Protein backbone atom coordinates (compact mmCIF):
# COMPACT_ATOMS: atom_id res chain seq x y z
CA MET A 1 -149.03 53.28 -92.61
CA PHE A 2 -151.23 55.63 -91.28
CA PRO A 3 -152.56 58.67 -94.03
CA SER A 4 -151.90 61.99 -92.94
CA SER A 5 -155.18 63.39 -91.85
CA SER A 6 -156.26 67.41 -90.62
CA ILE A 7 -159.08 68.42 -89.14
CA VAL A 8 -157.91 71.91 -89.86
CA GLY A 9 -161.20 73.91 -90.79
CA PHE A 10 -162.92 71.53 -87.92
CA ALA A 11 -165.29 73.97 -85.58
CA PRO A 12 -164.59 73.72 -82.15
CA PHE A 13 -167.87 72.55 -79.94
CA LEU A 14 -167.97 73.88 -76.69
CA PRO A 15 -170.00 71.99 -73.49
CA PRO A 16 -173.42 70.66 -73.51
CA PRO A 17 -176.31 71.96 -70.66
CA ARG A 18 -176.30 69.66 -68.14
CA CYS A 19 -179.54 67.84 -68.35
CA ALA A 20 -182.43 66.87 -65.85
CA ARG A 21 -182.59 63.57 -67.47
CA GLY A 22 -180.12 62.94 -69.39
CA ASN A 23 -176.14 63.18 -71.07
CA THR A 24 -177.04 64.96 -74.77
CA VAL A 25 -174.37 66.58 -76.28
CA THR A 26 -175.60 70.01 -77.81
CA ALA A 27 -172.65 72.06 -79.73
CA HIS A 28 -174.86 75.43 -79.61
CA HIS A 29 -174.53 76.34 -75.66
CA ALA A 30 -171.32 76.46 -73.31
CA LEU A 31 -171.27 75.27 -69.40
CA PRO A 32 -167.79 75.31 -68.07
CA LEU A 33 -166.44 71.89 -67.17
CA PRO A 34 -164.47 71.97 -64.07
CA PHE A 35 -160.95 72.03 -65.95
CA PRO A 36 -160.23 74.09 -69.24
CA LEU A 37 -160.56 72.87 -72.56
CA PRO A 38 -158.23 74.03 -75.28
CA ALA A 39 -159.31 75.98 -78.38
CA LEU A 40 -159.21 73.90 -81.02
CA SER A 41 -155.97 74.49 -83.10
CA PRO A 42 -154.86 72.49 -85.75
CA PRO A 43 -152.60 69.76 -85.87
CA PRO A 44 -148.66 69.82 -86.00
CA PRO A 45 -147.40 68.80 -88.95
CA GLN A 46 -147.39 65.02 -89.78
CA LEU A 47 -144.30 62.79 -88.04
CA GLN A 48 -143.04 59.66 -89.04
CA LEU A 49 -145.14 57.35 -88.00
CA PRO A 50 -142.36 54.46 -87.45
CA ALA A 51 -140.18 56.25 -85.59
CA GLU A 52 -142.91 57.72 -83.26
CA SER A 53 -144.58 53.47 -82.71
CA HIS A 54 -141.24 52.21 -82.06
CA PHE A 55 -139.69 54.35 -79.85
CA ASN A 56 -142.33 55.78 -77.57
CA MET A 57 -141.92 53.68 -74.68
CA ARG A 58 -138.54 54.42 -74.26
CA ASN A 59 -138.14 55.74 -70.78
CA LYS A 60 -136.68 58.80 -69.27
CA SER A 61 -132.63 58.27 -70.39
CA PHE A 62 -134.20 58.77 -74.09
CA ARG A 63 -135.64 62.73 -73.89
CA GLY A 64 -134.55 65.01 -75.59
CA VAL A 65 -132.44 62.75 -77.92
CA PRO A 66 -133.69 62.40 -81.70
CA PRO A 67 -135.22 58.75 -82.56
CA ASN A 68 -133.70 57.84 -85.36
CA ALA A 69 -130.42 57.83 -83.70
CA LEU A 70 -131.17 55.70 -81.27
CA PRO A 71 -130.81 51.67 -82.13
CA ARG A 72 -134.16 49.98 -81.94
CA PHE A 73 -133.52 48.23 -78.98
CA PRO A 74 -130.78 50.11 -77.01
CA SER A 75 -129.35 48.93 -74.11
CA ASN A 76 -129.98 50.57 -70.74
CA PRO A 77 -127.01 49.97 -68.10
CA HIS A 78 -128.96 50.85 -64.69
CA CYS A 79 -131.43 47.72 -65.95
CA ASP A 80 -128.55 45.23 -66.53
CA TRP A 81 -128.72 42.62 -65.14
CA THR A 82 -128.11 38.73 -64.41
CA PRO A 83 -130.83 36.12 -64.30
CA ALA A 84 -131.65 34.69 -61.26
CA VAL A 85 -132.66 30.97 -60.11
CA GLY A 86 -136.50 30.83 -61.67
CA THR A 87 -139.31 29.02 -60.99
CA PRO A 88 -139.32 25.70 -60.86
CA PRO A 89 -140.41 23.20 -63.75
CA LEU A 90 -143.90 22.65 -64.26
CA ALA A 91 -143.19 18.74 -64.24
CA PRO A 92 -139.44 17.40 -63.17
CA GLY A 93 -137.67 15.83 -65.18
CA GLY A 94 -139.00 17.54 -68.58
CA PRO A 95 -136.34 18.06 -71.00
CA PRO A 96 -135.69 22.19 -71.37
CA LEU A 97 -136.99 24.18 -74.90
CA THR A 98 -134.33 26.15 -75.82
CA MET A 99 -135.36 29.71 -76.93
CA THR A 100 -134.72 30.21 -80.55
CA ARG A 101 -136.48 32.51 -83.72
CA LYS A 102 -138.20 30.31 -85.99
CA ARG A 103 -140.86 31.86 -88.53
CA ARG A 104 -143.92 31.56 -87.50
CA ASN A 105 -146.63 28.69 -89.78
CA ASP A 106 -149.33 29.29 -89.30
CA GLU A 107 -150.29 25.64 -90.03
CA HIS A 108 -148.27 24.67 -87.74
CA SER A 109 -149.00 20.89 -85.79
CA LEU A 110 -150.91 21.29 -82.56
CA TYR A 111 -147.95 19.75 -80.50
CA ASP A 112 -145.35 21.16 -83.03
CA VAL A 113 -143.47 22.57 -80.18
CA LYS A 114 -140.27 23.32 -81.54
CA ARG A 115 -141.99 25.69 -83.90
CA GLN A 116 -143.09 28.28 -80.83
CA ARG A 117 -141.76 30.67 -79.08
CA PHE A 118 -142.35 29.32 -74.82
CA GLY A 119 -142.26 31.96 -72.46
CA SER A 120 -142.30 35.35 -74.59
CA PRO A 121 -143.28 38.50 -73.18
CA GLY A 122 -143.75 40.55 -75.69
CA ILE A 123 -141.48 44.01 -77.60
CA TYR A 124 -140.54 44.20 -73.68
CA GLY A 125 -138.46 41.03 -73.32
CA ARG A 126 -135.19 39.46 -74.87
CA THR A 127 -135.47 35.45 -75.26
CA PRO A 128 -135.21 33.79 -72.01
CA GLN A 129 -132.38 32.09 -70.44
CA VAL A 130 -132.44 28.11 -69.69
CA VAL A 131 -132.26 27.85 -66.28
CA SER A 132 -131.84 24.73 -64.36
CA PRO A 133 -134.65 24.56 -62.06
CA LEU A 134 -133.66 23.82 -57.72
CA PRO A 135 -134.33 20.92 -55.86
CA VAL A 136 -138.13 20.94 -54.26
CA ALA A 137 -136.53 21.89 -50.90
CA GLN A 138 -135.09 25.28 -52.05
CA SER A 139 -136.26 28.48 -49.84
CA ALA A 140 -137.45 31.43 -51.24
CA PRO A 141 -134.73 34.25 -51.15
CA PRO A 142 -135.72 36.92 -48.56
CA LYS A 143 -137.84 40.13 -49.46
CA PRO A 144 -135.93 42.71 -50.05
CA PRO A 145 -136.51 45.99 -47.83
CA ILE A 146 -139.85 47.64 -49.26
CA GLU A 147 -137.74 51.43 -50.07
CA GLY A 148 -136.47 48.92 -52.56
CA CYS A 149 -139.31 50.56 -54.21
CA ARG A 150 -139.03 53.73 -53.92
CA HIS A 151 -137.92 55.84 -56.78
CA PRO A 152 -133.87 56.89 -57.00
CA PRO A 153 -133.47 60.60 -55.78
CA GLY A 154 -133.73 63.04 -59.12
CA ILE A 155 -136.34 60.65 -60.44
CA HIS A 156 -139.35 63.59 -60.90
CA LYS A 157 -142.63 63.29 -62.59
CA PRO A 158 -141.91 62.37 -66.38
CA LYS A 159 -143.24 64.62 -68.88
CA GLN A 160 -146.38 63.57 -71.08
CA THR A 161 -144.88 61.96 -73.94
CA GLY A 162 -147.28 59.46 -74.88
CA GLY A 163 -144.68 56.55 -74.06
CA THR A 164 -146.56 54.18 -72.63
CA LEU A 165 -144.76 51.00 -73.03
CA VAL A 166 -141.68 49.77 -71.39
CA LEU A 167 -139.59 47.19 -72.16
CA ARG A 168 -139.52 43.72 -69.56
CA ARG A 169 -136.39 44.60 -68.80
CA GLU A 170 -137.47 47.32 -67.36
CA LEU A 171 -140.39 46.29 -65.54
CA CYS A 172 -139.12 44.03 -63.44
CA PRO A 173 -135.51 43.74 -63.67
CA SER A 174 -134.90 41.36 -60.96
CA ILE A 175 -137.90 38.25 -61.94
CA PRO A 176 -136.27 36.63 -64.09
CA GLU A 177 -138.31 35.03 -67.54
CA ASP A 178 -138.07 30.95 -67.46
CA PRO A 179 -138.47 28.82 -70.53
CA LEU A 180 -141.91 26.85 -69.48
CA ILE A 181 -141.32 22.64 -69.69
CA LEU A 182 -143.25 20.67 -71.22
CA ALA A 183 -144.76 18.97 -68.27
CA GLY A 184 -145.64 14.80 -69.36
CA ASP A 185 -149.43 15.04 -68.77
CA LYS A 186 -151.92 14.90 -71.42
CA LEU A 187 -153.61 17.79 -70.37
CA SER A 188 -150.65 20.06 -69.28
CA GLN A 189 -149.23 19.72 -72.56
CA GLN A 190 -152.90 20.79 -74.04
CA ILE A 191 -152.67 23.59 -72.09
CA LEU A 192 -149.57 24.90 -72.69
CA ALA A 193 -149.94 23.85 -76.34
CA LEU A 194 -153.08 26.19 -76.76
CA PHE A 195 -151.38 29.07 -74.89
CA GLN A 196 -148.33 28.70 -77.34
CA ALA A 197 -150.70 29.20 -80.10
CA CYS A 198 -153.26 31.65 -78.83
CA GLN A 199 -150.64 34.38 -76.72
CA GLN A 200 -150.27 37.96 -78.18
CA GLN A 201 -147.05 37.89 -80.58
CA ASN A 202 -144.58 40.80 -80.82
CA ASP A 203 -146.39 41.93 -84.15
CA ASP A 204 -150.11 41.44 -82.78
CA LEU A 205 -148.45 44.72 -80.09
CA GLU A 206 -146.56 46.36 -82.09
CA LYS A 207 -149.89 47.18 -84.36
CA LYS A 208 -152.00 48.22 -81.47
CA GLU A 209 -149.23 50.46 -80.50
CA ARG A 210 -148.96 51.91 -83.77
CA CYS A 211 -152.41 53.28 -83.67
CA ARG A 212 -152.39 54.10 -80.50
CA ALA A 213 -149.52 56.91 -81.02
CA GLN A 214 -150.96 58.59 -84.23
CA LEU A 215 -154.45 58.10 -82.15
CA GLN A 216 -152.19 60.76 -79.88
CA LYS A 217 -151.39 62.79 -82.07
CA GLU A 218 -154.66 63.83 -83.09
CA ILE A 219 -155.87 64.26 -79.79
CA ARG A 220 -153.50 66.28 -79.14
CA ALA A 221 -155.16 68.66 -81.26
CA LEU A 222 -157.66 68.99 -79.24
CA PHE A 223 -156.10 68.57 -75.58
CA PRO A 224 -152.58 69.09 -76.14
CA HIS A 225 -151.35 68.62 -72.82
CA SER A 226 -153.39 65.14 -72.74
CA THR A 227 -151.79 61.36 -72.56
CA VAL A 228 -153.00 58.27 -74.54
CA TYR A 229 -152.40 54.51 -72.71
CA LEU A 230 -152.29 51.56 -73.49
CA ALA A 231 -153.86 49.27 -70.64
CA GLY A 232 -155.82 45.91 -70.06
CA SER A 233 -154.82 42.61 -71.17
CA THR A 234 -152.94 44.09 -74.38
CA LEU A 235 -150.27 45.11 -71.67
CA ASN A 236 -150.86 43.07 -68.87
CA GLY A 237 -149.38 39.65 -70.37
CA PHE A 238 -152.95 37.75 -70.40
CA GLY A 239 -154.20 39.01 -73.92
CA SER A 240 -154.13 36.66 -76.87
CA ARG A 241 -153.96 37.26 -80.75
CA SER A 242 -157.72 37.58 -80.97
CA SER A 243 -157.81 40.15 -77.51
CA ASP A 244 -159.35 43.87 -78.04
CA ALA A 245 -156.95 46.78 -76.72
CA ASP A 246 -157.84 49.24 -73.88
CA LEU A 247 -156.68 52.65 -74.31
CA CYS A 248 -156.81 55.14 -71.38
CA LEU A 249 -156.68 58.83 -72.36
CA VAL A 250 -155.47 61.00 -69.30
CA ILE A 251 -156.40 64.95 -69.69
CA LYS A 252 -155.37 66.00 -66.40
CA ASP A 253 -154.75 64.56 -62.71
CA GLY A 254 -156.97 63.65 -61.06
CA SER A 255 -160.71 62.24 -61.09
CA VAL A 256 -163.13 63.35 -64.04
CA ASP A 257 -166.84 62.86 -63.88
CA GLN A 258 -167.45 59.57 -66.12
CA ARG A 259 -171.51 60.58 -66.28
CA THR A 260 -170.63 63.56 -67.91
CA ASP A 261 -167.90 65.75 -68.42
CA ALA A 262 -166.50 62.09 -69.79
CA VAL A 263 -168.90 61.49 -71.94
CA TYR A 264 -168.65 65.11 -73.65
CA ILE A 265 -164.82 64.33 -73.95
CA LEU A 266 -165.31 61.44 -75.82
CA SER A 267 -168.04 62.75 -77.92
CA LEU A 268 -165.73 65.32 -79.17
CA ILE A 269 -163.24 62.51 -79.78
CA ARG A 270 -166.14 60.45 -81.78
CA LYS A 271 -166.46 63.28 -84.23
CA LEU A 272 -162.42 63.60 -84.56
CA LEU A 273 -162.29 60.38 -85.53
CA TYR A 274 -165.02 60.34 -87.67
CA ARG A 275 -162.66 62.50 -90.23
CA LEU A 276 -160.38 59.83 -89.85
CA SER A 277 -159.79 57.45 -92.76
CA TYR A 278 -158.24 54.92 -90.83
CA ILE A 279 -160.53 54.84 -88.24
CA GLU A 280 -164.43 53.53 -88.62
CA ARG A 281 -166.93 52.39 -86.72
CA PRO A 282 -166.89 55.03 -83.68
CA GLN A 283 -169.33 54.14 -81.19
CA LEU A 284 -170.31 55.93 -78.07
CA ILE A 285 -171.37 53.79 -74.55
CA ARG A 286 -172.49 55.11 -71.77
CA ALA A 287 -171.90 52.49 -69.41
CA LYS A 288 -170.50 53.49 -65.78
CA VAL A 289 -167.24 54.42 -66.84
CA PRO A 290 -168.19 55.31 -70.67
CA ILE A 291 -166.00 53.99 -73.39
CA LEU A 292 -165.73 54.77 -76.99
CA LYS A 293 -164.91 51.88 -79.26
CA PHE A 294 -163.96 51.90 -82.86
CA ARG A 295 -161.96 50.11 -85.21
CA ASP A 296 -158.37 50.54 -86.61
CA LYS A 297 -159.08 49.54 -90.16
CA VAL A 298 -154.79 49.38 -90.92
CA SER A 299 -155.12 46.80 -87.89
CA GLY A 300 -158.45 45.48 -87.59
CA VAL A 301 -158.17 45.51 -83.74
CA GLU A 302 -161.10 46.71 -81.65
CA PHE A 303 -160.48 49.67 -79.65
CA ASP A 304 -161.64 51.14 -76.38
CA LEU A 305 -161.25 54.38 -75.07
CA ASN A 306 -162.01 56.01 -71.79
CA VAL A 307 -161.29 58.63 -70.27
CA ASN A 308 -159.28 59.08 -66.79
CA ASN A 309 -159.79 55.41 -65.69
CA ILE A 310 -156.44 55.45 -63.89
CA VAL A 311 -157.17 52.59 -61.86
CA GLY A 312 -157.40 50.81 -64.92
CA ILE A 313 -153.30 51.93 -65.79
CA ARG A 314 -152.74 51.00 -62.10
CA ASN A 315 -154.23 47.27 -61.62
CA THR A 316 -152.79 46.75 -65.61
CA PHE A 317 -149.22 46.48 -64.43
CA LEU A 318 -149.95 45.20 -60.84
CA LEU A 319 -151.33 42.35 -63.27
CA ARG A 320 -148.10 42.32 -65.29
CA THR A 321 -146.13 41.39 -62.55
CA TYR A 322 -148.08 39.08 -61.30
CA ALA A 323 -147.80 37.34 -65.20
CA TYR A 324 -144.03 37.04 -65.08
CA ILE A 325 -143.18 36.50 -61.62
CA GLU A 326 -143.93 32.54 -62.12
CA SER A 327 -144.53 30.74 -65.10
CA ARG A 328 -147.07 29.17 -64.51
CA VAL A 329 -149.51 32.40 -64.37
CA ARG A 330 -150.08 33.42 -67.43
CA PRO A 331 -150.73 29.70 -69.61
CA ILE A 332 -153.25 29.04 -67.03
CA ILE A 333 -155.18 31.96 -66.99
CA LEU A 334 -155.21 32.02 -71.05
CA VAL A 335 -156.76 28.86 -71.08
CA ILE A 336 -159.08 29.74 -68.26
CA LYS A 337 -160.24 33.12 -70.24
CA LYS A 338 -160.94 30.67 -73.80
CA TRP A 339 -163.05 28.12 -71.70
CA ALA A 340 -164.82 30.50 -70.06
CA ARG A 341 -165.69 32.11 -73.09
CA TYR A 342 -166.79 28.43 -74.90
CA ARG A 343 -168.65 28.16 -71.95
CA GLY A 344 -170.25 31.54 -72.02
CA ILE A 345 -169.56 32.87 -68.81
CA ASN A 346 -167.30 34.89 -69.51
CA ASP A 347 -169.30 38.28 -70.71
CA ALA A 348 -169.99 40.76 -68.17
CA SER A 349 -172.75 42.14 -71.16
CA ARG A 350 -174.94 39.55 -70.57
CA GLY A 351 -174.80 39.06 -67.24
CA THR A 352 -171.58 36.70 -66.62
CA LEU A 353 -167.98 37.43 -65.77
CA SER A 354 -165.65 39.72 -67.31
CA SER A 355 -162.05 38.66 -68.27
CA TYR A 356 -160.95 41.25 -65.22
CA SER A 357 -162.73 39.08 -62.92
CA LEU A 358 -161.59 35.84 -64.06
CA VAL A 359 -158.83 36.92 -63.85
CA LEU A 360 -158.56 38.10 -60.44
CA MET A 361 -160.41 35.03 -59.42
CA VAL A 362 -157.63 32.30 -61.15
CA LEU A 363 -154.81 34.78 -59.17
CA HIS A 364 -156.30 34.21 -55.79
CA TYR A 365 -157.11 30.46 -56.15
CA LEU A 366 -152.96 30.14 -57.10
CA GLN A 367 -151.99 32.48 -53.73
CA THR A 368 -154.46 30.58 -51.05
CA LEU A 369 -153.10 27.40 -52.43
CA PRO A 370 -151.24 25.85 -48.92
CA GLU A 371 -148.37 26.45 -51.11
CA PRO A 372 -149.07 29.53 -52.55
CA VAL A 373 -148.14 29.23 -56.58
CA ILE A 374 -147.70 33.33 -56.21
CA PRO A 375 -147.27 35.74 -53.31
CA CYS A 376 -149.76 38.84 -52.23
CA LEU A 377 -147.42 41.80 -54.10
CA GLN A 378 -150.08 44.34 -52.27
CA LYS A 379 -149.14 43.40 -49.17
CA ASP A 380 -145.47 42.44 -49.51
CA TYR A 381 -144.80 45.25 -51.19
CA PRO A 382 -147.39 48.13 -50.65
CA GLU A 383 -145.34 50.80 -52.12
CA CYS A 384 -144.94 48.88 -55.47
CA PHE A 385 -148.24 49.57 -55.76
CA SER A 386 -149.61 52.23 -54.01
CA VAL A 387 -152.60 54.18 -54.71
CA SER A 388 -151.20 57.49 -54.51
CA MET A 389 -148.08 56.84 -56.44
CA ASP A 390 -147.75 59.69 -59.66
CA ILE A 391 -149.91 57.52 -62.41
CA HIS A 392 -146.79 59.19 -65.31
CA LEU A 393 -144.35 56.52 -62.22
CA VAL A 394 -146.64 53.61 -62.17
CA PRO A 395 -144.89 51.28 -64.35
CA GLU A 396 -141.81 52.31 -62.49
CA GLY A 397 -143.13 50.62 -59.17
CA PRO A 398 -142.54 47.14 -59.97
CA LYS A 399 -139.24 47.41 -60.39
CA GLY A 400 -137.59 46.81 -56.92
CA ILE A 401 -139.64 43.03 -56.82
CA PRO A 402 -137.13 40.03 -56.86
CA PRO A 403 -138.14 36.91 -58.08
CA PHE A 404 -140.39 34.57 -56.18
CA ILE A 405 -139.41 30.84 -56.02
CA SER A 406 -142.47 28.58 -55.28
CA LYS A 407 -142.80 25.10 -53.53
CA ASN A 408 -145.76 23.86 -55.40
CA GLN A 409 -144.45 21.91 -58.14
CA SER A 410 -148.50 21.02 -59.47
CA THR A 411 -148.84 20.93 -63.19
CA LEU A 412 -150.76 23.11 -65.21
CA GLY A 413 -152.99 19.98 -65.03
CA ASP A 414 -153.38 19.92 -62.11
CA LEU A 415 -153.37 23.69 -61.15
CA PHE A 416 -156.40 23.87 -63.84
CA LEU A 417 -159.01 21.02 -61.73
CA GLY A 418 -157.76 22.70 -58.66
CA PHE A 419 -159.27 26.17 -59.99
CA LEU A 420 -162.12 24.47 -61.30
CA LYS A 421 -162.88 22.24 -57.39
CA TYR A 422 -162.11 25.44 -55.73
CA TYR A 423 -165.46 27.50 -57.19
CA ALA A 424 -167.64 24.66 -57.80
CA LYS A 425 -167.43 22.51 -54.22
CA GLU A 426 -165.23 24.98 -51.77
CA PHE A 427 -165.66 28.36 -51.76
CA ASN A 428 -168.83 30.24 -50.03
CA TRP A 429 -170.61 32.57 -52.79
CA ASP A 430 -172.99 33.46 -50.30
CA LYS A 431 -170.41 35.00 -47.14
CA LEU A 432 -167.02 35.49 -48.72
CA MET A 433 -165.56 37.57 -51.40
CA ILE A 434 -162.36 37.07 -53.39
CA SER A 435 -159.41 39.48 -52.75
CA VAL A 436 -156.23 39.61 -54.31
CA ARG A 437 -154.89 42.47 -52.01
CA GLU A 438 -155.14 40.79 -49.25
CA ALA A 439 -155.03 36.57 -50.69
CA ASP A 440 -157.53 36.26 -48.88
CA ALA A 441 -161.61 35.25 -48.72
CA LEU A 442 -162.66 37.97 -46.71
CA PRO A 443 -166.38 38.47 -45.29
CA LYS A 444 -168.54 40.35 -47.77
CA PRO A 445 -168.83 44.42 -46.00
CA ASN A 446 -172.37 45.05 -45.52
CA CYS A 447 -173.13 47.60 -47.48
CA ARG A 448 -175.36 48.44 -51.05
CA GLU A 449 -172.45 47.54 -53.44
CA TRP A 450 -171.47 44.26 -51.79
CA LYS A 451 -175.00 42.96 -50.45
CA ASN A 452 -176.70 40.51 -51.54
CA LYS A 453 -174.21 40.01 -54.64
CA PHE A 454 -173.94 36.79 -56.15
CA ILE A 455 -170.29 37.06 -56.63
CA CYS A 456 -167.74 40.02 -55.19
CA VAL A 457 -164.53 40.03 -56.75
CA GLU A 458 -162.50 42.93 -55.30
CA GLU A 459 -160.72 45.63 -57.23
CA PRO A 460 -157.20 45.56 -55.40
CA PHE A 461 -157.03 49.46 -55.88
CA ASP A 462 -160.50 51.16 -56.39
CA ARG A 463 -161.78 48.17 -54.18
CA SER A 464 -165.39 48.28 -55.86
CA ASN A 465 -167.13 45.01 -56.92
CA THR A 466 -165.25 44.00 -60.43
CA ALA A 467 -168.00 41.34 -60.64
CA ARG A 468 -171.15 43.54 -59.99
CA ALA A 469 -173.20 42.58 -63.88
CA VAL A 470 -173.93 38.93 -62.06
CA HIS A 471 -176.87 40.25 -60.79
CA GLU A 472 -179.30 37.88 -61.79
CA LYS A 473 -179.77 34.50 -59.66
CA VAL A 474 -179.76 32.14 -63.12
CA LYS A 475 -176.99 33.46 -64.35
CA PHE A 476 -175.15 32.44 -61.69
CA ASP A 477 -176.24 29.63 -61.27
CA ALA A 478 -175.55 28.63 -64.43
CA ILE A 479 -171.87 30.18 -63.93
CA LYS A 480 -171.83 27.66 -61.00
CA ALA A 481 -173.11 24.62 -63.26
CA GLU A 482 -169.86 25.48 -65.80
CA PHE A 483 -167.60 25.04 -63.13
CA THR A 484 -168.96 21.93 -61.52
CA GLU A 485 -169.75 20.01 -65.23
CA SER A 486 -166.54 21.10 -66.41
CA LEU A 487 -164.58 19.43 -63.14
CA ARG A 488 -166.95 16.70 -63.72
CA LEU A 489 -165.85 16.00 -67.24
CA LEU A 490 -162.31 16.85 -66.91
CA GLN A 491 -161.62 14.72 -64.25
CA LEU A 492 -163.09 11.44 -65.85
CA LYS A 493 -161.10 12.70 -69.09
CA LYS A 494 -158.18 14.01 -68.49
CA ASP A 495 -158.77 15.98 -71.80
CA LEU A 496 -158.96 19.77 -72.31
CA ASN A 497 -161.30 18.81 -75.42
CA ALA A 498 -163.44 17.44 -73.44
CA ILE A 499 -164.75 20.69 -72.09
CA LEU A 500 -162.74 23.09 -74.74
CA PRO A 501 -162.18 21.80 -78.21
CA VAL A 502 -158.19 22.89 -79.00
CA ARG A 503 -157.78 22.46 -82.47
CA ALA A 504 -160.64 25.20 -82.99
CA THR A 505 -160.16 27.57 -80.54
CA ILE A 506 -156.55 27.22 -81.37
CA GLN A 507 -157.84 28.24 -85.25
CA GLU A 508 -160.02 31.49 -83.88
CA ARG A 509 -156.63 32.44 -81.82
């Protein structure tokens, strides 16, 4: 799909000097980095892209086997499992929707649910099984021993083959994939219809993966032992059809100075991207974590590339486990993101909430209900999400986690209303911070990063404030006002269109 590209003859770039007032990249002076940079060499012969893109997500058991000799979705005996009883339906008494494969029609009706696929996790998964719900009084199964999250003997650090995608059953084999059942109330039906129309589809993810695989080949001409990972909403289960794709370039174990070394590395890659015919508009953004933005002409997808932002890979798989541990999590989060974007409070570059902060806010709310919808994974299974786990083993961490059966029978509509009410009237913004790691509202730490901040949302791994972009009172007041006004309108009309135009949002995807 991608035209062949070559950087033969592309002169190597030396590290820039460390300037007193900036990070200007100059190609005429040398200053050693804390790790060696490779000499530029011609790229390896071009490989067939389809083989790379379709099979680079395979686990270690397929290494060394020619890709073309494998079936598209080979079976893994050690991952086979029998689906357990799933989460309760969104509303009792609703008819189950069987999973059948239909040709997508972009002009389908808003409520033509027969033509939509419910509960599909993307290319990682299989067709879900229709599971009969248990009675409400059924208690959750006991948690397995923590050692169940340990990696089996003989598993060592895998080779950096570039594979970041894993099959759904390989990620959380013990968590069943239950189809969603339509609730009877109008608001829940609207939320579910919007989710099904806007959620990221298999072909959307495959386009992003093909570009990732091709970019990795090109970047390895500069950094032979590097790996490019997909991360963020593309992989965590909360992406929509219009979502950008986040990429993380890992070039060494450990941290990289984001103010100097990461900027230099991204500047080298930017010069490389200018020579690739299928990439356009590469732009280096010097932020706290600098990123290289560019667009893939073939798929039309916008990409953000960072260097060694390891925490982004860890939280991707934590959020992905939350996304599939309970069937109501993905629909409610995707629709809340759409609502926040439409109401103008979902843009960190403009001083409002990032999508990541919004996701953590929703998860925190679902964790802290009197009857929680989801558990606290980091407290219940700390070794599955350990910050000391080798980054290449992070995708295997959630394998030992069992299904979670919630006693909370709230519909999607009830949960959306409850979310708005919690942050409009109940949460104490002045004194508390939001913590998914502890499933609790904790007192704000008395330090510079948290003190006098309007919104405090704890990052589950590095414990920074993900909502630090909200640093103006006028923006904080606007965010609170949107929660309050949307709650009032939704309670009054019980119609999602009162706060978010459903049809127009579906057309935008």
